[in-house]
Every structure is written in C-alpha cells, then in structure tokens.
C-alpha cells in the first residue's frame, strides 16, 4: 500500500502587541544595516503563529 503525504499549514495572528513588535522588527533595515529578508522573516514569525501538520494517508493501489 502506498502512502500519500498531505501538508496542512495554519497561519493565525498572535494577540496584541506581538503583531506590532513583529512590524517593528520587519522595519529595522530602514534604520540599521540588516538584511531585509531576514528581518521580514523574523518579524513574520514574531507576529504570526505558524502550525504545520504533515499527514500520511494510505492510497488504494
């Protein structure tokens, strides 16, 4: 029997003030020398809860 993988991603915002802190972190490259991509990623992870769930479902052969 083969297994088929399924990936579920849930993104939900944290309660205040976490989104505001994440926004400030993401804007840091304006004031200091910091990679913009890294600041945006860290700001996103601070502001939002990211839950990933991997499931395996058997398939009929």
Protein backbone atom coordinates (compact mmCIF):
# COMPACT_ATOMS: atom_id res chain seq x y z
CA UNK A 1 0.00 0.00 0.00
CA UNK A 2 1.33 3.41 -0.92
CA UNK A 3 1.15 6.45 1.35
CA UNK A 4 0.21 9.90 0.13
CA UNK A 5 1.57 12.82 2.14
CA UNK A 6 -0.58 15.82 2.94
CA UNK A 7 0.68 19.09 4.33
CA UNK A 8 -1.58 21.45 6.27
CA UNK A 9 -0.38 24.94 7.23
CA UNK A 10 -2.32 27.15 9.66
CA UNK A 11 -1.35 30.81 9.99
CA UNK A 12 -3.04 32.84 12.72
CA UNK A 13 -2.04 36.14 14.34
CA UNK A 14 -0.91 36.29 17.94
CA UNK A 15 -2.66 38.61 20.38
CA UNK A 16 -1.52 42.22 20.67
CA UNK A 17 1.21 43.51 20.98
CA UNK A 18 3.05 40.72 19.13
CA UNK A 19 1.99 41.88 15.60
CA UNK A 20 3.18 45.39 16.45
CA UNK A 21 6.54 44.08 17.68
CA UNK A 22 6.85 41.96 14.54
CA UNK A 23 6.16 45.02 12.40
CA UNK A 24 8.88 47.00 14.18
CA UNK A 25 11.35 44.12 13.71
CA UNK A 26 10.49 43.94 10.00
CA UNK A 27 11.15 47.68 9.63
CA UNK A 28 14.59 47.58 11.31
CA UNK A 29 16.51 47.59 7.97
CA UNK A 30 15.31 51.19 7.48
CA UNK A 31 17.39 52.34 10.45
CA UNK A 32 20.24 49.81 10.76
CA UNK A 33 22.25 47.68 8.35
CA UNK A 34 20.34 44.40 8.44
CA UNK A 35 19.29 42.02 5.64
CA UNK A 36 15.72 42.91 4.69
CA UNK A 37 14.69 39.28 4.03
CA UNK A 38 15.90 38.14 7.45
CA UNK A 39 14.13 40.99 9.23
CA UNK A 40 10.89 40.32 7.36
CA UNK A 41 11.02 36.60 8.18
CA UNK A 42 11.73 37.17 11.87
CA UNK A 43 9.01 39.84 12.05
CA UNK A 44 6.52 37.46 10.45
CA UNK A 45 7.40 34.65 12.86
CA UNK A 46 7.01 37.00 15.83
CA UNK A 47 3.64 38.34 14.64
CA UNK A 48 2.02 35.10 13.46
CA UNK A 49 1.63 31.57 14.79
CA UNK A 50 2.63 29.09 12.14
CA UNK A 51 1.50 25.48 12.63
CA UNK A 52 2.49 22.80 10.14
CA UNK A 53 0.96 19.33 10.18
CA UNK A 54 2.15 16.50 7.96
CA UNK A 55 -0.23 13.58 7.47
CA UNK A 56 0.12 10.32 5.59
CA UNK A 57 -2.94 8.78 4.05
CA UNK A 58 -2.91 5.30 2.55
CA UNK A 59 -3.98 5.09 -1.10
CA UNK A 60 -5.51 2.19 -2.96
CA UNK A 61 -3.06 0.59 -5.37
